[in-house]
PDB file of N, CA and C in Angstrom:
ATOM      1  N   MET A   1    -264.324 -10.045 105.924  1.00  0.00           N
ATOM      2  CA  MET A   1    -264.087  -8.632 105.724  1.00  0.00           C
ATOM      3  C   MET A   1    -264.077  -7.900 107.057  1.00  0.00           C
ATOM      4  N   LEU A   2    -265.002  -8.247 107.924  1.00  0.00           N
ATOM      5  CA  LEU A   2    -265.071  -7.599 109.233  1.00  0.00           C
ATOM      6  C   LEU A   2    -263.852  -7.941 110.079  1.00  0.00           C
ATOM      7  N   SER A   3    -263.400  -9.188 109.998  1.00  0.00           N
ATOM      8  CA  SER A   3    -262.221  -9.566 110.780  1.00  0.00           C
ATOM      9  C   SER A   3    -260.979  -8.827 110.296  1.00  0.00           C
ATOM     10  N   ALA A   4    -260.862  -8.603 108.987  1.00  0.00           N
ATOM     11  CA  ALA A   4    -259.724  -7.850 108.460  1.00  0.00           C
ATOM     12  C   ALA A   4    -259.789  -6.403 108.940  1.00  0.00           C
ATOM     13  N   LEU A   5    -260.963  -5.818 108.989  1.00  0.00           N
ATOM     14  CA  LEU A   5    -261.116  -4.443 109.462  1.00  0.00           C
ATOM     15  C   LEU A   5    -260.758  -4.324 110.943  1.00  0.00           C
ATOM     16  N   ILE A   6    -261.188  -5.271 111.737  1.00  0.00           N
ATOM     17  CA  ILE A   6    -260.845  -5.275 113.168  1.00  0.00           C
ATOM     18  C   ILE A   6    -259.338  -5.448 113.344  1.00  0.00           C
ATOM     19  N   LEU A   7    -258.732  -6.320 112.540  1.00  0.00           N
ATOM     20  CA  LEU A   7    -257.287  -6.530 112.611  1.00  0.00           C
ATOM     21  C   LEU A   7    -256.528  -5.258 112.248  1.00  0.00           C
ATOM     22  N   ILE A   8    -257.001  -4.533 111.256  1.00  0.00           N
ATOM     23  CA  ILE A   8    -256.357  -3.270 110.867  1.00  0.00           C
ATOM     24  C   ILE A   8    -256.459  -2.248 111.986  1.00  0.00           C
ATOM     25  N   ILE A   9    -257.603  -2.161 112.626  1.00  0.00           N
ATOM     26  CA  ILE A   9    -257.776  -1.216 113.738  1.00  0.00           C
ATOM     27  C   ILE A   9    -256.849  -1.580 114.891  1.00  0.00           C
ATOM     28  N   ILE A  10    -256.744  -2.857 115.208  1.00  0.00           N
ATOM     29  CA  ILE A  10    -255.835  -3.301 116.274  1.00  0.00           C
ATOM     30  C   ILE A  10    -254.394  -2.962 115.904  1.00  0.00           C
ATOM     31  N   THR A  11    -254.021  -3.181 114.638  1.00  0.00           N
ATOM     32  CA  THR A  11    -252.648  -2.935 114.196  1.00  0.00           C
ATOM     33  C   THR A  11    -252.309  -1.449 114.227  1.00  0.00           C
ATOM     34  N   ILE A  12    -253.270  -0.595 113.985  1.00  0.00           N
ATOM     35  CA  ILE A  12    -253.002   0.839 114.041  1.00  0.00           C
ATOM     36  C   ILE A  12    -252.551   1.246 115.439  1.00  0.00           C
ATOM     37  N   PHE A  13    -253.165   0.684 116.457  1.00  0.00           N
ATOM     38  CA  PHE A  13    -252.831   1.063 117.823  1.00  0.00           C
ATOM     39  C   PHE A  13    -251.651   0.270 118.391  1.00  0.00           C
ATOM     40  N   LEU A  14    -251.610  -1.026 118.123  1.00  0.00           N
ATOM     41  CA  LEU A  14    -250.553  -1.896 118.654  1.00  0.00           C
ATOM     42  C   LEU A  14    -250.079  -2.867 117.562  1.00  0.00           C
ATOM     43  N   PRO A  15    -249.067  -2.468 116.783  1.00  0.00           N
ATOM     44  CA  PRO A  15    -248.610  -3.328 115.685  1.00  0.00           C
ATOM     45  C   PRO A  15    -248.198  -4.744 116.101  1.00  0.00           C
ATOM     46  N   PRO A  16    -247.504  -4.950 117.233  1.00  0.00           N
ATOM     47  CA  PRO A  16    -247.142  -6.329 117.582  1.00  0.00           C
ATOM     48  C   PRO A  16    -248.349  -7.231 117.845  1.00  0.00           C
ATOM     49  N   VAL A  17    -249.424  -6.682 118.354  1.00  0.00           N
ATOM     50  CA  VAL A  17    -250.616  -7.498 118.597  1.00  0.00           C
ATOM     51  C   VAL A  17    -251.210  -7.965 117.264  1.00  0.00           C
ATOM     52  N   GLY A  18    -251.223  -7.088 116.278  1.00  0.00           N
ATOM     53  CA  GLY A  18    -251.710  -7.481 114.958  1.00  0.00           C
ATOM     54  C   GLY A  18    -250.876  -8.583 114.343  1.00  0.00           C
ATOM     55  N   VAL A  19    -249.557  -8.488 114.486  1.00  0.00           N
ATOM     56  CA  VAL A  19    -248.667  -9.529 113.955  1.00  0.00           C
ATOM     57  C   VAL A  19    -248.868 -10.823 114.726  1.00  0.00           C
ATOM     58  N   PHE A  20    -249.044 -10.741 116.018  1.00  0.00           N
ATOM     59  CA  PHE A  20    -249.281 -11.940 116.824  1.00  0.00           C
ATOM     60  C   PHE A  20    -250.561 -12.657 116.389  1.00  0.00           C
ATOM     61  N   LEU A  21    -251.608 -11.893 116.107  1.00  0.00           N
ATOM     62  CA  LEU A  21    -252.873 -12.507 115.704  1.00  0.00           C
ATOM     63  C   LEU A  21    -252.772 -13.198 114.352  1.00  0.00           C
ATOM     64  N   VAL A  22    -251.890 -12.725 113.486  1.00  0.00           N
ATOM     65  CA  VAL A  22    -251.751 -13.319 112.159  1.00  0.00           C
ATOM     66  C   VAL A  22    -250.670 -14.392 112.138  1.00  0.00           C
ATOM     67  N   ALA A  23    -249.500 -14.096 112.701  1.00  0.00           N
ATOM     68  CA  ALA A  23    -248.348 -14.993 112.572  1.00  0.00           C
ATOM     69  C   ALA A  23    -248.096 -15.854 113.795  1.00  0.00           C
ATOM     70  N   GLY A  24    -248.684 -15.512 114.922  1.00  0.00           N
ATOM     71  CA  GLY A  24    -248.413 -16.264 116.139  1.00  0.00           C
ATOM     72  C   GLY A  24    -247.134 -15.776 116.801  1.00  0.00           C
ATOM     73  N   CYS A  25    -246.672 -16.546 117.760  1.00  0.00           N
ATOM     74  CA  CYS A  25    -245.466 -16.172 118.508  1.00  0.00           C
ATOM     75  C   CYS A  25    -244.259 -16.787 117.819  1.00  0.00           C
ATOM     76  N   GLY A  26    -243.457 -15.932 117.203  1.00  0.00           N
ATOM     77  CA  GLY A  26    -242.299 -16.430 116.478  1.00  0.00           C
ATOM     78  C   GLY A  26    -241.386 -15.284 116.081  1.00  0.00           C
ATOM     79  N   MET A  27    -240.604 -15.518 115.043  1.00  0.00           N
ATOM     80  CA  MET A  27    -239.622 -14.538 114.596  1.00  0.00           C
ATOM     81  C   MET A  27    -240.283 -13.258 114.093  1.00  0.00           C
ATOM     82  N   ASP A  28    -241.408 -13.369 113.395  1.00  0.00           N
ATOM     83  CA  ASP A  28    -242.082 -12.161 112.897  1.00  0.00           C
ATOM     84  C   ASP A  28    -242.526 -11.268 114.047  1.00  0.00           C
ATOM     85  N   LEU A  29    -243.006 -11.857 115.112  1.00  0.00           N
ATOM     86  CA  LEU A  29    -243.422 -11.072 116.281  1.00  0.00           C
ATOM     87  C   LEU A  29    -242.214 -10.406 116.932  1.00  0.00           C
ATOM     88  N   ALA A  30    -241.117 -11.128 117.070  1.00  0.00           N
ATOM     89  CA  ALA A  30    -239.913 -10.554 117.686  1.00  0.00           C
ATOM     90  C   ALA A  30    -239.373  -9.392 116.853  1.00  0.00           C
ATOM     91  N   ILE A  31    -239.352  -9.559 115.537  1.00  0.00           N
ATOM     92  CA  ILE A  31    -238.894  -8.482 114.665  1.00  0.00           C
ATOM     93  C   ILE A  31    -239.807  -7.276 114.791  1.00  0.00           C
ATOM     94  N   ASN A  32    -241.104  -7.517 114.837  1.00  0.00           N
ATOM     95  CA  ASN A  32    -242.035  -6.396 114.928  1.00  0.00           C
ATOM     96  C   ASN A  32    -241.923  -5.671 116.258  1.00  0.00           C
ATOM     97  N   ILE A  33    -241.709  -6.388 117.329  1.00  0.00           N
ATOM     98  CA  ILE A  33    -241.524  -5.729 118.631  1.00  0.00           C
ATOM     99  C   ILE A  33    -240.282  -4.854 118.600  1.00  0.00           C
ATOM    100  N   LEU A  34    -239.189  -5.372 118.052  1.00  0.00           N
ATOM    101  CA  LEU A  34    -237.958  -4.577 117.960  1.00  0.00           C
ATOM    102  C   LEU A  34    -238.157  -3.349 117.074  1.00  0.00           C
ATOM    103  N   LEU A  35    -238.816  -3.511 115.939  1.00  0.00           N
ATOM    104  CA  LEU A  35    -239.058  -2.372 115.060  1.00  0.00           C
ATOM    105  C   LEU A  35    -239.969  -1.340 115.713  1.00  0.00           C
ATOM    106  N   THR A  36    -240.955  -1.796 116.465  1.00  0.00           N
ATOM    107  CA  THR A  36    -241.858  -0.864 117.141  1.00  0.00           C
ATOM    108  C   THR A  36    -241.119  -0.110 118.244  1.00  0.00           C
ATOM    109  N   LEU A  37    -240.207  -0.784 118.931  1.00  0.00           N
ATOM    110  CA  LEU A  37    -239.420  -0.097 119.951  1.00  0.00           C
ATOM    111  C   LEU A  37    -238.445   0.908 119.346  1.00  0.00           C
ATOM    112  N   LEU A  38    -237.901   0.575 118.180  1.00  0.00           N
ATOM    113  CA  LEU A  38    -236.981   1.496 117.511  1.00  0.00           C
ATOM    114  C   LEU A  38    -237.704   2.693 116.902  1.00  0.00           C
ATOM    115  N   GLY A  39    -238.905   2.485 116.485  1.00  0.00           N
ATOM    116  CA  GLY A  39    -239.701   3.565 115.908  1.00  0.00           C
ATOM    117  C   GLY A  39    -241.102   3.059 115.636  1.00  0.00           C
ATOM    118  N   TYR A  40    -242.072   3.873 115.918  1.00  0.00           N
ATOM    119  CA  TYR A  40    -243.455   3.429 115.801  1.00  0.00           C
ATOM    120  C   TYR A  40    -243.820   3.131 114.350  1.00  0.00           C
ATOM    121  N   PHE A  41    -243.338   3.939 113.402  1.00  0.00           N
ATOM    122  CA  PHE A  41    -243.694   3.733 112.002  1.00  0.00           C
ATOM    123  C   PHE A  41    -243.043   2.496 111.378  1.00  0.00           C
ATOM    124  N   PRO A  42    -241.784   2.179 111.670  1.00  0.00           N
ATOM    125  CA  PRO A  42    -241.244   0.919 111.128  1.00  0.00           C
ATOM    126  C   PRO A  42    -242.028  -0.308 111.610  1.00  0.00           C
ATOM    127  N   GLY A  43    -242.508  -0.277 112.835  1.00  0.00           N
ATOM    128  CA  GLY A  43    -243.342  -1.366 113.334  1.00  0.00           C
ATOM    129  C   GLY A  43    -244.644  -1.477 112.565  1.00  0.00           C
ATOM    130  N   HIS A  44    -245.220  -0.331 112.216  1.00  0.00           N
ATOM    131  CA  HIS A  44    -246.452  -0.328 111.422  1.00  0.00           C
ATOM    132  C   HIS A  44    -246.215  -0.880 110.024  1.00  0.00           C
ATOM    133  N   ILE A  45    -245.141  -0.440 109.400  1.00  0.00           N
ATOM    134  CA  ILE A  45    -244.851  -0.897 108.039  1.00  0.00           C
ATOM    135  C   ILE A  45    -244.676  -2.410 108.015  1.00  0.00           C
ATOM    136  N   HIS A  46    -243.925  -2.937 108.962  1.00  0.00           N
ATOM    137  CA  HIS A  46    -243.709  -4.381 109.017  1.00  0.00           C
ATOM    138  C   HIS A  46    -245.013  -5.116 109.308  1.00  0.00           C
ATOM    139  N   ALA A  47    -245.798  -4.615 110.241  1.00  0.00           N
ATOM    140  CA  ALA A  47    -247.056  -5.279 110.597  1.00  0.00           C
ATOM    141  C   ALA A  47    -248.018  -5.325 109.415  1.00  0.00           C
ATOM    142  N   PHE A  48    -248.162  -4.206 108.724  1.00  0.00           N
ATOM    143  CA  PHE A  48    -249.077  -4.195 107.586  1.00  0.00           C
ATOM    144  C   PHE A  48    -248.545  -5.047 106.439  1.00  0.00           C
ATOM    145  N   TYR A  49    -247.229  -5.143 106.282  1.00  0.00           N
ATOM    146  CA  TYR A  49    -246.660  -6.021 105.256  1.00  0.00           C
ATOM    147  C   TYR A  49    -246.957  -7.486 105.577  1.00  0.00           C
ATOM    148  N   VAL A  50    -246.754  -7.886 106.811  1.00  0.00           N
ATOM    149  CA  VAL A  50    -247.035  -9.277 107.202  1.00  0.00           C
ATOM    150  C   VAL A  50    -248.520  -9.588 106.997  1.00  0.00           C
ATOM    151  N   GLU A  51    -249.381  -8.666 107.370  1.00  0.00           N
ATOM    152  CA  GLU A  51    -250.821  -8.886 107.186  1.00  0.00           C
ATOM    153  C   GLU A  51    -251.193  -8.924 105.711  1.00  0.00           C
ATOM    154  N   TYR A  52    -250.572  -8.076 104.894  1.00  0.00           N
ATOM    155  CA  TYR A  52    -250.838  -8.084 103.454  1.00  0.00           C
ATOM    156  C   TYR A  52    -250.461  -9.435 102.853  1.00  0.00           C
ATOM    157  N   VAL A  53    -249.281  -9.932 103.201  1.00  0.00           N
ATOM    158  CA  VAL A  53    -248.837 -11.228 102.675  1.00  0.00           C
ATOM    159  C   VAL A  53    -249.795 -12.323 103.122  1.00  0.00           C
ATOM    160  N   TYR A  54    -250.214 -12.288 104.379  1.00  0.00           N
ATOM    161  CA  TYR A  54    -251.132 -13.306 104.896  1.00  0.00           C
ATOM    162  C   TYR A  54    -252.444 -13.320 104.119  1.00  0.00           C
ATOM    163  N   PHE A  55    -253.071 -12.156 103.957  1.00  0.00           N
ATOM    164  CA  PHE A  55    -254.365 -12.103 103.285  1.00  0.00           C
ATOM    165  C   PHE A  55    -254.237 -12.391 101.792  1.00  0.00           C
ATOM    166  N   LYS A  56    -253.140 -11.978 101.171  1.00  0.00           N
ATOM    167  CA  LYS A  56    -252.922 -12.275  99.757  1.00  0.00           C
ATOM    168  C   LYS A  56    -252.753 -13.774  99.558  1.00  0.00           C
ATOM    169  N   ARG A  57    -251.932 -14.405 100.386  1.00  0.00           N
ATOM    170  CA  ARG A  57    -251.717 -15.850 100.271  1.00  0.00           C
ATOM    171  C   ARG A  57    -252.986 -16.624 100.608  1.00  0.00           C
ATOM    172  N   ARG A  58    -253.768 -16.129 101.561  1.00  0.00           N
ATOM    173  CA  ARG A  58    -255.022 -16.808 101.910  1.00  0.00           C
ATOM    174  C   ARG A  58    -255.981 -16.784 100.734  1.00  0.00           C
ATOM    175  N   ASP A  59    -256.109 -15.624 100.092  1.00  0.00           N
ATOM    176  CA  ASP A  59    -257.007 -15.518  98.940  1.00  0.00           C
ATOM    177  C   ASP A  59    -256.512 -16.365  97.770  1.00  0.00           C
ATOM    178  N   GLU A  60    -255.198 -16.412  97.572  1.00  0.00           N
ATOM    179  CA  GLU A  60    -254.644 -17.251  96.509  1.00  0.00           C
ATOM    180  C   GLU A  60    -254.882 -18.729  96.797  1.00  0.00           C
ATOM    181  N   ALA A  61    -254.729 -19.136  98.054  1.00  0.00           N
ATOM    182  CA  ALA A  61    -254.951 -20.539  98.407  1.00  0.00           C
ATOM    183  C   ALA A  61    -256.411 -20.922  98.206  1.00  0.00           C
ATOM    184  N   ARG A  62    -257.316 -20.018  98.511  1.00  0.00           N
ATOM    185  CA  ARG A  62    -258.742 -20.300  98.302  1.00  0.00           C
ATOM    186  C   ARG A  62    -259.082 -20.402  96.822  1.00  0.00           C
ATOM    187  N   ALA A  63    -258.354 -19.656  95.989  1.00  0.00           N
ATOM    188  CA  ALA A  63    -258.587 -19.698  94.548  1.00  0.00           C
ATOM    189  C   ALA A  63    -257.835 -20.842  93.876  1.00  0.00           C
ATOM    190  N   GLY A  64    -257.027 -21.570  94.630  1.00  0.00           N
ATOM    191  CA  GLY A  64    -256.287 -22.696  94.090  1.00  0.00           C
ATOM    192  C   GLY A  64    -254.987 -22.299  93.423  1.00  0.00           C
ATOM    193  N   ILE A  65    -254.495 -21.106  93.710  1.00  0.00           N
ATOM    194  CA  ILE A  65    -253.239 -20.631  93.131  1.00  0.00           C
ATOM    195  C   ILE A  65    -252.122 -20.906  94.135  1.00  0.00           C
ATOM    196  N   TYR A  66    -251.057 -21.511  93.645  1.00  0.00           N
ATOM    197  CA  TYR A  66    -249.916 -21.813  94.510  1.00  0.00           C
ATOM    198  C   TYR A  66    -248.836 -20.769  94.295  1.00  0.00           C
ATOM    199  N   ALA A  67    -248.436 -20.100  95.365  1.00  0.00           N
ATOM    200  CA  ALA A  67    -247.348 -19.131  95.298  1.00  0.00           C
ATOM    201  C   ALA A  67    -246.036 -19.898  95.409  1.00  0.00           C
ATOM    202  N   GLY A  68    -245.275 -19.952  94.342  1.00  0.00           N
ATOM    203  CA  GLY A  68    -244.064 -20.762  94.295  1.00  0.00           C
ATOM    204  C   GLY A  68    -242.940 -20.249  95.170  1.00  0.00           C
ATOM    205  N   GLU A  69    -242.767 -18.954  95.232  1.00  0.00           N
ATOM    206  CA  GLU A  69    -241.651 -18.410  96.010  1.00  0.00           C
ATOM    207  C   GLU A  69    -242.153 -17.899  97.352  1.00  0.00           C
ATOM    208  N   ARG A  70    -241.238 -17.856  98.290  1.00  0.00           N
ATOM    209  CA  ARG A  70    -241.569 -17.356  99.620  1.00  0.00           C
ATOM    210  C   ARG A  70    -241.558 -15.837  99.599  1.00  0.00           C
ATOM    211  N   ALA A  71    -242.408 -15.255 100.406  1.00  0.00           N
ATOM    212  CA  ALA A  71    -242.423 -13.798 100.529  1.00  0.00           C
ATOM    213  C   ALA A  71    -241.189 -13.370 101.317  1.00  0.00           C
ATOM    214  N   PRO A  72    -240.437 -12.395 100.813  1.00  0.00           N
ATOM    215  CA  PRO A  72    -239.229 -11.980 101.525  1.00  0.00           C
ATOM    216  C   PRO A  72    -239.557 -11.277 102.834  1.00  0.00           C
ATOM    217  N   GLY A  73    -238.783 -11.578 103.859  1.00  0.00           N
ATOM    218  CA  GLY A  73    -238.943 -10.916 105.142  1.00  0.00           C
ATOM    219  C   GLY A  73    -240.037 -11.473 106.018  1.00  0.00           C
ATOM    220  N   VAL A  74    -240.668 -12.561 105.609  1.00  0.00           N
ATOM    221  CA  VAL A  74    -241.720 -13.188 106.417  1.00  0.00           C
ATOM    222  C   VAL A  74    -241.239 -14.583 106.783  1.00  0.00           C
ATOM    223  N   TYR A  75    -241.180 -14.869 108.083  1.00  0.00           N
ATOM    224  CA  TYR A  75    -240.616 -16.128 108.551  1.00  0.00           C
ATOM    225  C   TYR A  75    -241.659 -17.136 109.017  1.00  0.00           C
ATOM    226  N   SER A  76    -242.879 -16.714 109.194  1.00  0.00           N
ATOM    227  CA  SER A  76    -243.935 -17.588 109.690  1.00  0.00           C
ATOM    228  C   SER A  76    -244.498 -18.450 108.557  1.00  0.00           C
ATOM    229  N   GLU A  77    -244.540 -19.751 108.766  1.00  0.00           N
ATOM    230  CA  GLU A  77    -245.134 -20.648 107.779  1.00  0.00           C
ATOM    231  C   GLU A  77    -246.637 -20.407 107.657  1.00  0.00           C
ATOM    232  N   ARG A  78    -247.261 -20.010 108.743  1.00  0.00           N
ATOM    233  CA  ARG A  78    -248.690 -19.722 108.706  1.00  0.00           C
ATOM    234  C   ARG A  78    -248.983 -18.574 107.750  1.00  0.00           C
ATOM    235  N   VAL A  79    -248.155 -17.539 107.780  1.00  0.00           N
ATOM    236  CA  VAL A  79    -248.337 -16.411 106.872  1.00  0.00           C
ATOM    237  C   VAL A  79    -247.979 -16.830 105.450  1.00  0.00           C
ATOM    238  N   GLN A  80    -246.901 -17.579 105.278  1.00  0.00           N
ATOM    239  CA  GLN A  80    -246.485 -18.006 103.945  1.00  0.00           C
ATOM    240  C   GLN A  80    -247.554 -18.853 103.266  1.00  0.00           C
ATOM    241  N   ASN A  81    -248.291 -19.646 104.034  1.00  0.00           N
ATOM    242  CA  ASN A  81    -249.333 -20.514 103.487  1.00  0.00           C
ATOM    243  C   ASN A  81    -250.712 -19.886 103.507  1.00  0.00           C
ATOM    244  N   GLY A  82    -250.813 -18.663 103.988  1.00  0.00           N
ATOM    245  CA  GLY A  82    -252.121 -18.012 104.030  1.00  0.00           C
ATOM    246  C   GLY A  82    -253.049 -18.598 105.067  1.00  0.00           C
ATOM    247  N   GLY A  83    -252.495 -19.192 106.102  1.00  0.00           N
ATOM    248  CA  GLY A  83    -253.306 -19.753 107.175  1.00  0.00           C
ATOM    249  C   GLY A  83    -253.781 -21.163 106.918  1.00  0.00           C
ATOM    250  N   SER A  84    -253.510 -21.688 105.720  1.00  0.00           N
ATOM    251  CA  SER A  84    -253.945 -23.060 105.434  1.00  0.00           C
ATOM    252  C   SER A  84    -252.918 -24.038 105.995  1.00  0.00           C
ATOM    253  N   GLY A  85    -253.290 -25.279 106.046  1.00  0.00           N
ATOM    254  CA  GLY A  85    -252.415 -26.304 106.588  1.00  0.00           C
ATOM    255  C   GLY A  85    -251.244 -26.631 105.693  1.00  0.00           C
ATOM    256  N   GLY A  86    -251.276 -26.191 104.492  1.00  0.00           N
ATOM    257  CA  GLY A  86    -250.199 -26.472 103.554  1.00  0.00           C
ATOM    258  C   GLY A  86    -250.782 -26.846 102.204  1.00  0.00           C
ATOM    259  N   TYR A  87    -249.912 -27.066 101.254  1.00  0.00           N
ATOM    260  CA  TYR A  87    -250.348 -27.373  99.898  1.00  0.00           C
ATOM    261  C   TYR A  87    -250.083 -28.831  99.552  1.00  0.00           C
ATOM    262  N   GLY A  88    -249.916 -29.654 100.514  1.00  0.00           N
ATOM    263  CA  GLY A  88    -249.596 -31.049 100.254  1.00  0.00           C
ATOM    264  C   GLY A  88    -248.147 -31.328 100.568  1.00  0.00           C
ATOM    265  N   THR A  89    -247.558 -32.249  99.847  1.00  0.00           N
ATOM    266  CA  THR A  89    -246.160 -32.568 100.107  1.00  0.00           C
ATOM    267  C   THR A  89    -245.259 -31.522  99.491  1.00  0.00           C
ATOM    268  N   MET A  90    -244.266 -31.122 100.260  1.00  0.00           N
ATOM    269  CA  MET A  90    -243.338 -30.100  99.764  1.00  0.00           C
ATOM    270  C   MET A  90    -241.939 -30.635  99.826  1.00  0.00           C
TER     271      MET A  90
END
């Protein structure tokens, strides 16, 4: 809970840093940097969406629920899997 609160505070000030901490260096980070440069609020919306998907998938994975479809607009496998190593063979 504390880590999620710290992540939200970081994302409020610097949305790309929040996305980097959740998704790593990849397409989601590049999209968020571009959105933040185009407008501060689109960067926030994207960052909070990526973080929402990450925490939702993480909680589902801990509960043993498998999300069958991919979240739209999220390209990081780490976010799609909720930070877990995967669900086995895919």
